[in-house]
N, C-alpha and C. Protein backbone atom coordinates (compact mmCIF):
# COMPACT_ATOMS: atom_id res chain seq x y z
N MET A 1 99.87 127.48 -189.05
CA MET A 1 99.21 126.75 -188.02
C MET A 1 100.16 126.35 -186.90
N ILE A 2 101.34 125.90 -187.19
CA ILE A 2 102.29 125.55 -186.13
C ILE A 2 102.70 126.79 -185.35
N LYS A 3 102.97 127.83 -186.09
CA LYS A 3 103.31 129.12 -185.42
C LYS A 3 102.22 129.51 -184.48
N SER A 4 101.00 129.40 -184.87
CA SER A 4 99.87 129.75 -184.09
C SER A 4 99.77 128.89 -182.82
N ASN A 5 100.05 127.61 -182.95
CA ASN A 5 100.03 126.75 -181.77
C ASN A 5 101.13 127.10 -180.79
N LEU A 6 102.30 127.46 -181.36
CA LEU A 6 103.43 127.84 -180.53
C LEU A 6 103.07 129.10 -179.71
N VAL A 7 102.47 130.05 -180.32
CA VAL A 7 102.08 131.26 -179.62
C VAL A 7 101.08 130.97 -178.54
N LEU A 8 100.11 130.09 -178.88
CA LEU A 8 99.10 129.70 -177.88
C LEU A 8 99.74 129.01 -176.69
N LYS A 9 100.69 128.12 -176.95
CA LYS A 9 101.38 127.47 -175.85
C LYS A 9 102.19 128.45 -175.03
N THR A 10 102.88 129.36 -175.70
CA THR A 10 103.66 130.37 -174.95
C THR A 10 102.71 131.21 -174.13
N GLY A 11 101.61 131.64 -174.74
CA GLY A 11 100.63 132.41 -174.00
C GLY A 11 100.08 131.68 -172.81
N LEU A 12 99.80 130.41 -172.99
CA LEU A 12 99.26 129.60 -171.88
C LEU A 12 100.31 129.45 -170.83
N LEU A 13 101.56 129.22 -171.19
CA LEU A 13 102.65 129.11 -170.25
C LEU A 13 102.77 130.42 -169.47
N GLY A 14 102.67 131.53 -170.12
CA GLY A 14 102.72 132.83 -169.46
C GLY A 14 101.62 132.97 -168.41
N ILE A 15 100.45 132.52 -168.74
CA ILE A 15 99.32 132.58 -167.83
C ILE A 15 99.54 131.68 -166.59
N ILE A 16 100.08 130.49 -166.86
CA ILE A 16 100.39 129.58 -165.77
C ILE A 16 101.43 130.15 -164.87
N LEU A 17 102.53 130.71 -165.43
CA LEU A 17 103.59 131.29 -164.61
C LEU A 17 103.03 132.49 -163.80
N PHE A 18 102.24 133.30 -164.46
CA PHE A 18 101.63 134.43 -163.78
C PHE A 18 100.75 133.97 -162.62
N SER A 19 100.01 132.92 -162.82
CA SER A 19 99.15 132.39 -161.76
C SER A 19 99.96 131.87 -160.62
N PHE A 20 101.09 131.20 -160.88
CA PHE A 20 101.94 130.74 -159.83
C PHE A 20 102.53 131.92 -159.06
N ALA A 21 102.94 132.96 -159.81
CA ALA A 21 103.49 134.10 -159.12
C ALA A 21 102.45 134.77 -158.20
N ASP A 22 101.19 134.80 -158.64
CA ASP A 22 100.16 135.33 -157.75
C ASP A 22 100.00 134.45 -156.52
N CYS A 23 100.07 133.18 -156.71
CA CYS A 23 99.93 132.25 -155.58
C CYS A 23 101.09 132.44 -154.60
N TRP A 24 102.33 132.53 -155.12
CA TRP A 24 103.45 132.78 -154.22
C TRP A 24 103.32 134.08 -153.54
N GLY A 25 102.86 135.08 -154.25
CA GLY A 25 102.70 136.40 -153.64
C GLY A 25 101.74 136.42 -152.49
N SER A 26 100.73 135.57 -152.52
CA SER A 26 99.74 135.54 -151.44
C SER A 26 100.31 135.07 -150.12
N THR A 27 101.48 134.44 -150.16
CA THR A 27 102.05 133.98 -148.91
C THR A 27 103.15 134.91 -148.41
N THR A 28 103.40 135.99 -149.17
CA THR A 28 104.39 136.93 -148.72
C THR A 28 103.72 138.09 -147.92
N SER A 29 104.54 139.05 -147.54
CA SER A 29 104.07 140.08 -146.65
C SER A 29 102.88 140.90 -147.21
N SER A 30 102.76 140.96 -148.50
CA SER A 30 101.73 141.83 -149.08
C SER A 30 100.32 141.40 -148.65
N ASN A 31 100.09 140.13 -148.46
CA ASN A 31 98.77 139.63 -148.12
C ASN A 31 98.73 138.94 -146.76
N ALA A 32 99.84 138.80 -146.10
CA ALA A 32 99.89 138.17 -144.78
C ALA A 32 99.03 138.97 -143.76
N GLN A 33 98.37 138.31 -142.90
CA GLN A 33 97.57 138.97 -141.90
C GLN A 33 98.40 139.60 -140.81
N VAL A 34 97.89 140.71 -140.35
CA VAL A 34 98.53 141.42 -139.24
C VAL A 34 97.90 140.83 -137.97
N PRO A 35 98.72 140.55 -136.92
CA PRO A 35 98.12 140.01 -135.71
C PRO A 35 97.11 140.99 -135.09
N VAL A 36 96.01 140.44 -134.61
CA VAL A 36 94.97 141.24 -133.94
C VAL A 36 94.73 140.64 -132.55
N ILE A 37 94.62 141.50 -131.55
CA ILE A 37 94.37 141.02 -130.20
C ILE A 37 92.83 140.87 -130.04
N LYS A 38 92.42 139.62 -129.84
CA LYS A 38 91.00 139.30 -129.74
C LYS A 38 90.49 139.60 -128.29
N SER A 39 91.36 139.34 -127.28
CA SER A 39 90.96 139.62 -125.92
C SER A 39 92.18 139.76 -125.01
N ILE A 40 91.96 140.46 -123.94
CA ILE A 40 93.02 140.67 -122.96
C ILE A 40 92.37 140.51 -121.58
N GLU A 41 92.99 139.72 -120.75
CA GLU A 41 92.60 139.65 -119.32
C GLU A 41 93.83 139.35 -118.53
N TRP A 42 93.70 139.36 -117.22
CA TRP A 42 94.88 139.17 -116.34
C TRP A 42 95.56 137.87 -116.73
N GLY A 43 96.80 137.97 -117.16
CA GLY A 43 97.62 136.79 -117.47
C GLY A 43 97.35 136.15 -118.80
N LYS A 44 96.51 136.74 -119.67
CA LYS A 44 96.13 136.04 -120.89
C LYS A 44 95.81 137.04 -122.01
N ILE A 45 96.60 136.90 -123.08
CA ILE A 45 96.37 137.70 -124.28
C ILE A 45 96.07 136.74 -125.41
N LEU A 46 94.89 136.86 -126.02
CA LEU A 46 94.54 136.00 -127.17
C LEU A 46 94.69 136.80 -128.43
N VAL A 47 95.49 136.21 -129.33
CA VAL A 47 95.83 136.86 -130.61
C VAL A 47 95.42 135.99 -131.77
N THR A 48 94.83 136.55 -132.78
CA THR A 48 94.55 135.79 -133.99
C THR A 48 95.55 136.34 -135.05
N HIS A 49 96.07 135.38 -135.79
CA HIS A 49 97.11 135.73 -136.77
C HIS A 49 97.20 134.62 -137.81
N ASN A 50 97.00 135.00 -139.07
CA ASN A 50 97.06 134.03 -140.18
C ASN A 50 96.13 132.82 -139.95
N GLY A 51 94.96 133.10 -139.52
CA GLY A 51 93.99 132.03 -139.35
C GLY A 51 94.10 131.17 -138.10
N SER A 52 95.07 131.47 -137.28
CA SER A 52 95.26 130.68 -136.07
C SER A 52 95.10 131.59 -134.84
N GLN A 53 94.86 131.03 -133.67
CA GLN A 53 94.76 131.78 -132.44
C GLN A 53 95.90 131.36 -131.53
N TYR A 54 96.47 132.32 -130.89
CA TYR A 54 97.61 132.13 -129.97
C TYR A 54 97.31 132.71 -128.63
N GLN A 55 97.80 132.13 -127.58
CA GLN A 55 97.62 132.68 -126.25
C GLN A 55 99.01 132.99 -125.64
N TYR A 56 99.12 134.20 -125.12
CA TYR A 56 100.38 134.62 -124.52
C TYR A 56 100.08 135.21 -123.13
N ARG A 57 101.10 135.20 -122.32
CA ARG A 57 101.07 135.97 -121.05
C ARG A 57 101.59 137.36 -121.37
N ASP A 58 102.71 137.42 -122.01
CA ASP A 58 103.25 138.73 -122.49
C ASP A 58 103.61 138.48 -123.97
N ALA A 59 103.34 139.47 -124.78
CA ALA A 59 103.50 139.26 -126.22
C ALA A 59 104.23 140.45 -126.89
N LYS A 60 104.86 140.10 -128.00
CA LYS A 60 105.40 141.08 -128.95
C LYS A 60 104.59 140.89 -130.23
N LEU A 61 104.10 141.96 -130.79
CA LEU A 61 103.35 141.95 -131.99
C LEU A 61 103.88 143.00 -132.96
N TRP A 62 103.93 142.67 -134.20
CA TRP A 62 104.23 143.59 -135.23
C TRP A 62 103.76 143.06 -136.54
N PRO A 63 103.78 143.82 -137.62
CA PRO A 63 103.20 143.32 -138.89
C PRO A 63 103.72 141.91 -139.22
N GLU A 64 102.79 141.00 -139.44
CA GLU A 64 103.10 139.63 -139.84
C GLU A 64 103.73 138.77 -138.76
N LYS A 65 103.79 139.23 -137.51
CA LYS A 65 104.47 138.43 -136.50
C LYS A 65 103.87 138.61 -135.14
N SER A 66 103.73 137.50 -134.42
CA SER A 66 103.40 137.55 -132.99
C SER A 66 104.22 136.50 -132.29
N LYS A 67 104.64 136.82 -131.10
CA LYS A 67 105.46 135.84 -130.37
C LYS A 67 105.44 136.19 -128.88
N VAL A 68 105.92 135.24 -128.10
CA VAL A 68 106.07 135.44 -126.65
C VAL A 68 107.12 136.55 -126.42
N TRP A 69 106.75 137.46 -125.51
CA TRP A 69 107.72 138.45 -125.09
C TRP A 69 108.39 137.88 -123.87
N ASN A 70 109.59 137.33 -124.05
CA ASN A 70 110.34 136.71 -122.98
C ASN A 70 111.26 137.75 -122.35
N TRP A 71 110.96 138.19 -121.21
CA TRP A 71 111.74 139.23 -120.54
C TRP A 71 113.16 138.80 -120.27
N GLY A 72 113.33 137.48 -120.07
CA GLY A 72 114.67 136.93 -119.80
C GLY A 72 115.68 137.16 -120.90
N GLU A 73 115.17 137.27 -122.13
CA GLU A 73 116.10 137.49 -123.26
C GLU A 73 116.85 138.80 -123.17
N THR A 74 116.22 139.85 -122.61
CA THR A 74 116.84 141.14 -122.54
C THR A 74 117.07 141.59 -121.08
N ASN A 75 116.84 140.69 -120.15
CA ASN A 75 117.00 140.98 -118.74
C ASN A 75 116.07 142.12 -118.26
N THR A 76 114.84 142.12 -118.81
CA THR A 76 113.88 143.12 -118.44
C THR A 76 113.25 142.86 -117.10
N HIS A 77 113.00 143.86 -116.32
CA HIS A 77 112.35 143.78 -115.01
C HIS A 77 111.37 144.95 -114.94
N HIS A 78 110.49 144.92 -113.96
CA HIS A 78 109.47 146.01 -113.82
C HIS A 78 110.15 147.36 -113.71
N VAL A 79 111.26 147.39 -113.03
CA VAL A 79 112.05 148.64 -112.93
C VAL A 79 113.47 148.31 -113.36
N PRO A 80 114.04 148.94 -114.34
CA PRO A 80 113.60 150.20 -114.92
C PRO A 80 112.56 150.04 -116.01
N GLY A 81 112.23 148.79 -116.39
CA GLY A 81 111.15 148.60 -117.29
C GLY A 81 111.55 148.24 -118.71
N ILE A 82 110.68 148.58 -119.68
CA ILE A 82 110.88 148.19 -121.07
C ILE A 82 112.15 148.88 -121.62
N GLN A 83 113.01 148.08 -122.21
CA GLN A 83 114.30 148.53 -122.69
C GLN A 83 114.29 148.66 -124.21
N VAL A 84 115.26 149.36 -124.73
CA VAL A 84 115.46 149.43 -126.16
C VAL A 84 115.59 148.05 -126.76
N ALA A 85 116.29 147.16 -126.06
CA ALA A 85 116.51 145.78 -126.58
C ALA A 85 115.18 145.05 -126.77
N ASP A 86 114.15 145.41 -126.00
CA ASP A 86 112.85 144.74 -126.20
C ASP A 86 112.19 145.15 -127.50
N LEU A 87 112.62 146.23 -128.12
CA LEU A 87 112.02 146.76 -129.36
C LEU A 87 112.84 146.47 -130.59
N LYS A 88 114.11 146.11 -130.45
CA LYS A 88 115.02 145.97 -131.55
C LYS A 88 114.52 145.01 -132.65
N GLU A 89 113.84 143.96 -132.22
CA GLU A 89 113.38 142.94 -133.16
C GLU A 89 112.42 143.45 -134.22
N PHE A 90 111.66 144.49 -133.87
CA PHE A 90 110.63 144.98 -134.81
C PHE A 90 110.70 146.46 -135.18
N ILE A 91 111.56 147.20 -134.52
CA ILE A 91 111.54 148.67 -134.62
C ILE A 91 111.66 149.18 -136.07
N ASP A 92 112.42 148.49 -136.88
CA ASP A 92 112.60 148.95 -138.30
C ASP A 92 111.40 148.60 -139.15
N ASP A 93 110.51 147.73 -138.72
CA ASP A 93 109.39 147.30 -139.53
C ASP A 93 108.06 148.06 -139.18
N VAL A 94 108.13 149.02 -138.27
CA VAL A 94 106.88 149.68 -137.85
C VAL A 94 107.05 151.19 -137.90
N ASP A 95 105.86 151.84 -137.95
CA ASP A 95 105.82 153.30 -137.90
C ASP A 95 105.31 153.83 -136.55
N VAL A 96 104.62 152.94 -135.81
CA VAL A 96 104.03 153.25 -134.54
C VAL A 96 104.40 152.18 -133.54
N VAL A 97 104.81 152.61 -132.32
CA VAL A 97 105.16 151.61 -131.29
C VAL A 97 104.20 151.80 -130.09
N ILE A 98 103.75 150.64 -129.63
CA ILE A 98 102.87 150.58 -128.42
C ILE A 98 103.67 149.96 -127.27
N LEU A 99 103.73 150.68 -126.17
CA LEU A 99 104.42 150.16 -124.93
C LEU A 99 103.38 150.07 -123.84
N THR A 100 103.14 148.86 -123.34
CA THR A 100 102.14 148.70 -122.30
C THR A 100 102.79 148.60 -120.96
N ARG A 101 102.14 149.14 -119.97
CA ARG A 101 102.70 149.15 -118.59
C ARG A 101 102.06 148.17 -117.67
N GLY A 102 101.19 147.24 -118.17
CA GLY A 102 100.53 146.30 -117.32
C GLY A 102 99.19 146.79 -116.91
N MET A 103 98.46 145.92 -116.22
CA MET A 103 97.07 146.21 -115.81
C MET A 103 97.04 147.17 -114.64
N ASP A 104 98.06 147.14 -113.77
CA ASP A 104 98.18 148.03 -112.61
C ASP A 104 99.26 149.05 -112.80
N LEU A 105 99.78 149.21 -114.02
CA LEU A 105 100.80 150.18 -114.32
C LEU A 105 102.10 150.00 -113.59
N ALA A 106 102.38 148.74 -113.24
CA ALA A 106 103.61 148.40 -112.48
C ALA A 106 104.89 148.37 -113.34
N LEU A 107 104.72 148.08 -114.64
CA LEU A 107 105.87 147.98 -115.54
C LEU A 107 106.26 149.41 -115.95
N GLN A 108 107.51 149.75 -115.75
CA GLN A 108 108.00 151.06 -116.11
C GLN A 108 108.59 151.06 -117.55
N ILE A 109 108.90 152.24 -118.00
CA ILE A 109 109.58 152.36 -119.31
C ILE A 109 110.94 152.98 -118.99
N ALA A 110 112.00 152.32 -119.39
CA ALA A 110 113.33 152.86 -119.14
C ALA A 110 113.50 154.22 -119.85
N PRO A 111 114.05 155.20 -119.18
CA PRO A 111 114.20 156.53 -119.82
C PRO A 111 114.97 156.47 -121.15
N GLU A 112 115.88 155.56 -121.23
CA GLU A 112 116.68 155.37 -122.47
C GLU A 112 115.77 154.93 -123.64
N THR A 113 114.71 154.20 -123.33
CA THR A 113 113.77 153.75 -124.36
C THR A 113 112.99 154.91 -124.98
N VAL A 114 112.54 155.77 -124.08
CA VAL A 114 111.81 156.97 -124.56
C VAL A 114 112.73 157.86 -125.36
N ALA A 115 113.96 158.05 -124.88
CA ALA A 115 114.93 158.87 -125.57
C ALA A 115 115.25 158.28 -126.95
N TYR A 116 115.40 156.95 -127.01
CA TYR A 116 115.70 156.29 -128.30
C TYR A 116 114.52 156.50 -129.28
N LEU A 117 113.27 156.34 -128.83
CA LEU A 117 112.17 156.52 -129.72
C LEU A 117 112.04 157.95 -130.23
N ASN A 118 112.33 158.87 -129.34
CA ASN A 118 112.32 160.33 -129.72
C ASN A 118 113.44 160.56 -130.74
N ASN A 119 114.63 160.01 -130.52
CA ASN A 119 115.78 160.21 -131.37
C ASN A 119 115.55 159.69 -132.77
N ILE A 120 114.92 158.51 -132.90
CA ILE A 120 114.65 157.90 -134.22
C ILE A 120 113.32 158.42 -134.80
N LYS A 121 112.64 159.29 -134.06
CA LYS A 121 111.41 159.94 -134.54
C LYS A 121 110.27 158.91 -134.83
N LYS A 122 110.12 157.95 -133.94
CA LYS A 122 109.02 156.98 -134.06
C LYS A 122 107.87 157.48 -133.21
N GLU A 123 106.69 157.42 -133.79
CA GLU A 123 105.47 157.66 -132.99
C GLU A 123 105.32 156.54 -131.99
N TYR A 124 105.02 156.88 -130.75
CA TYR A 124 104.80 155.84 -129.72
C TYR A 124 103.73 156.25 -128.77
N HIS A 125 103.17 155.19 -128.10
CA HIS A 125 102.13 155.40 -127.15
C HIS A 125 102.43 154.52 -125.95
N ILE A 126 102.28 155.07 -124.74
CA ILE A 126 102.54 154.36 -123.53
C ILE A 126 101.29 154.39 -122.69
N GLY A 127 100.90 153.28 -122.09
CA GLY A 127 99.72 153.27 -121.23
C GLY A 127 99.35 151.93 -120.65
N GLU A 128 98.26 151.92 -119.96
CA GLU A 128 97.69 150.73 -119.38
C GLU A 128 97.39 149.74 -120.45
N THR A 129 97.60 148.47 -120.21
CA THR A 129 97.56 147.47 -121.25
C THR A 129 96.18 147.39 -121.95
N LYS A 130 95.09 147.37 -121.22
CA LYS A 130 93.80 147.27 -121.94
C LYS A 130 93.55 148.43 -122.87
N GLU A 131 93.91 149.66 -122.41
CA GLU A 131 93.74 150.83 -123.27
C GLU A 131 94.64 150.75 -124.52
N MET A 132 95.85 150.26 -124.32
CA MET A 132 96.81 150.17 -125.42
C MET A 132 96.42 149.05 -126.40
N VAL A 133 95.77 148.00 -125.87
CA VAL A 133 95.26 146.94 -126.79
C VAL A 133 94.19 147.54 -127.73
N GLN A 134 93.31 148.34 -127.17
CA GLN A 134 92.24 148.97 -128.02
C GLN A 134 92.93 149.87 -129.07
N LEU A 135 93.93 150.66 -128.64
CA LEU A 135 94.60 151.52 -129.59
C LEU A 135 95.35 150.74 -130.66
N TYR A 136 96.02 149.67 -130.27
CA TYR A 136 96.75 148.81 -131.21
C TYR A 136 95.78 148.30 -132.29
N ASN A 137 94.68 147.72 -131.83
CA ASN A 137 93.69 147.18 -132.81
C ASN A 137 93.12 148.25 -133.74
N LYS A 138 92.86 149.42 -133.17
CA LYS A 138 92.36 150.53 -133.97
C LYS A 138 93.34 150.95 -135.05
N LEU A 139 94.59 151.07 -134.66
CA LEU A 139 95.65 151.46 -135.61
C LEU A 139 95.88 150.43 -136.68
N VAL A 140 95.81 149.17 -136.25
CA VAL A 140 95.94 148.04 -137.26
C VAL A 140 94.82 148.14 -138.25
N LYS A 141 93.62 148.34 -137.73
CA LYS A 141 92.43 148.41 -138.62
C LYS A 141 92.57 149.59 -139.60
N GLU A 142 93.23 150.63 -139.18
CA GLU A 142 93.40 151.84 -140.04
C GLU A 142 94.56 151.57 -141.04
N GLY A 143 95.21 150.45 -140.94
CA GLY A 143 96.27 150.10 -141.91
C GLY A 143 97.66 150.60 -141.49
N LYS A 144 97.82 151.03 -140.22
CA LYS A 144 99.13 151.49 -139.75
C LYS A 144 100.06 150.28 -139.48
N ARG A 145 101.29 150.49 -139.68
CA ARG A 145 102.33 149.46 -139.36
C ARG A 145 102.71 149.64 -137.89
N VAL A 146 102.13 148.81 -137.02
CA VAL A 146 102.24 148.93 -135.57
C VAL A 146 103.01 147.77 -134.98
N GLY A 147 103.82 148.04 -133.99
CA GLY A 147 104.47 147.03 -133.27
C GLY A 147 104.35 147.38 -131.75
N GLY A 148 104.36 146.35 -130.94
CA GLY A 148 104.26 146.65 -129.53
C GLY A 148 104.62 145.46 -128.64
N VAL A 149 104.81 145.84 -127.39
CA VAL A 149 105.05 144.87 -126.29
C VAL A 149 103.89 145.00 -125.34
N PHE A 150 103.31 143.81 -125.01
CA PHE A 150 102.09 143.75 -124.26
C PHE A 150 102.29 142.92 -123.01
N HIS A 151 102.08 143.56 -121.83
CA HIS A 151 102.23 142.91 -120.52
C HIS A 151 100.86 142.70 -119.93
N SER A 152 100.50 141.45 -119.62
CA SER A 152 99.12 141.19 -119.20
C SER A 152 98.86 141.04 -117.74
N THR A 153 99.89 141.28 -116.91
CA THR A 153 99.62 141.24 -115.47
C THR A 153 99.95 142.59 -114.86
N CYS A 154 100.36 142.62 -113.67
CA CYS A 154 100.58 143.85 -112.85
C CYS A 154 100.97 145.06 -113.71
C-alpha cells in the first residue's frame, strides 16, 4: 500500500511538472504570435502582435517581434536607401525578406543590400509598401518565416 501511494505521488508529480512545462512552452517561440499588419495608410502602420495592437510610422517585423524602424540607428536615408544594417537584427531568423519602398516609391534599396541578400541566398521581395504589406500577411498566413522593413510615407 505504501509503495502504491509513492508511485501515485510520483505519477502525480510527473503530471504536474509536465503541465508546468507545457505552460512555459506556450510563452516561448513555438506558440508566440507572429506580427500581422492590420492596416496601412500614409504615416500609420497598425500591427497586432501577441494580443496587443501597435502603431508605427516605420516598422521592422519578423517572427515574434515588431518594433519601430528607427532610420537614425543605421543612418538610413531615402538615397541610397535600405542598408544591410537595417536587416541585421532579423536576417538570421527569417527565410523571406520584405523591403518596402514607401507609398510613392521614394525609398531606394542600396545596391549592397541586394548583393548581400543574393550572396546569402535569401528570398526577398521589393516593392510599394501597400503591395508588400499584402504579400507579408499572405506569407505569414502560409507559415513562412518572414521579416521586413516597412516605410509608411513617401
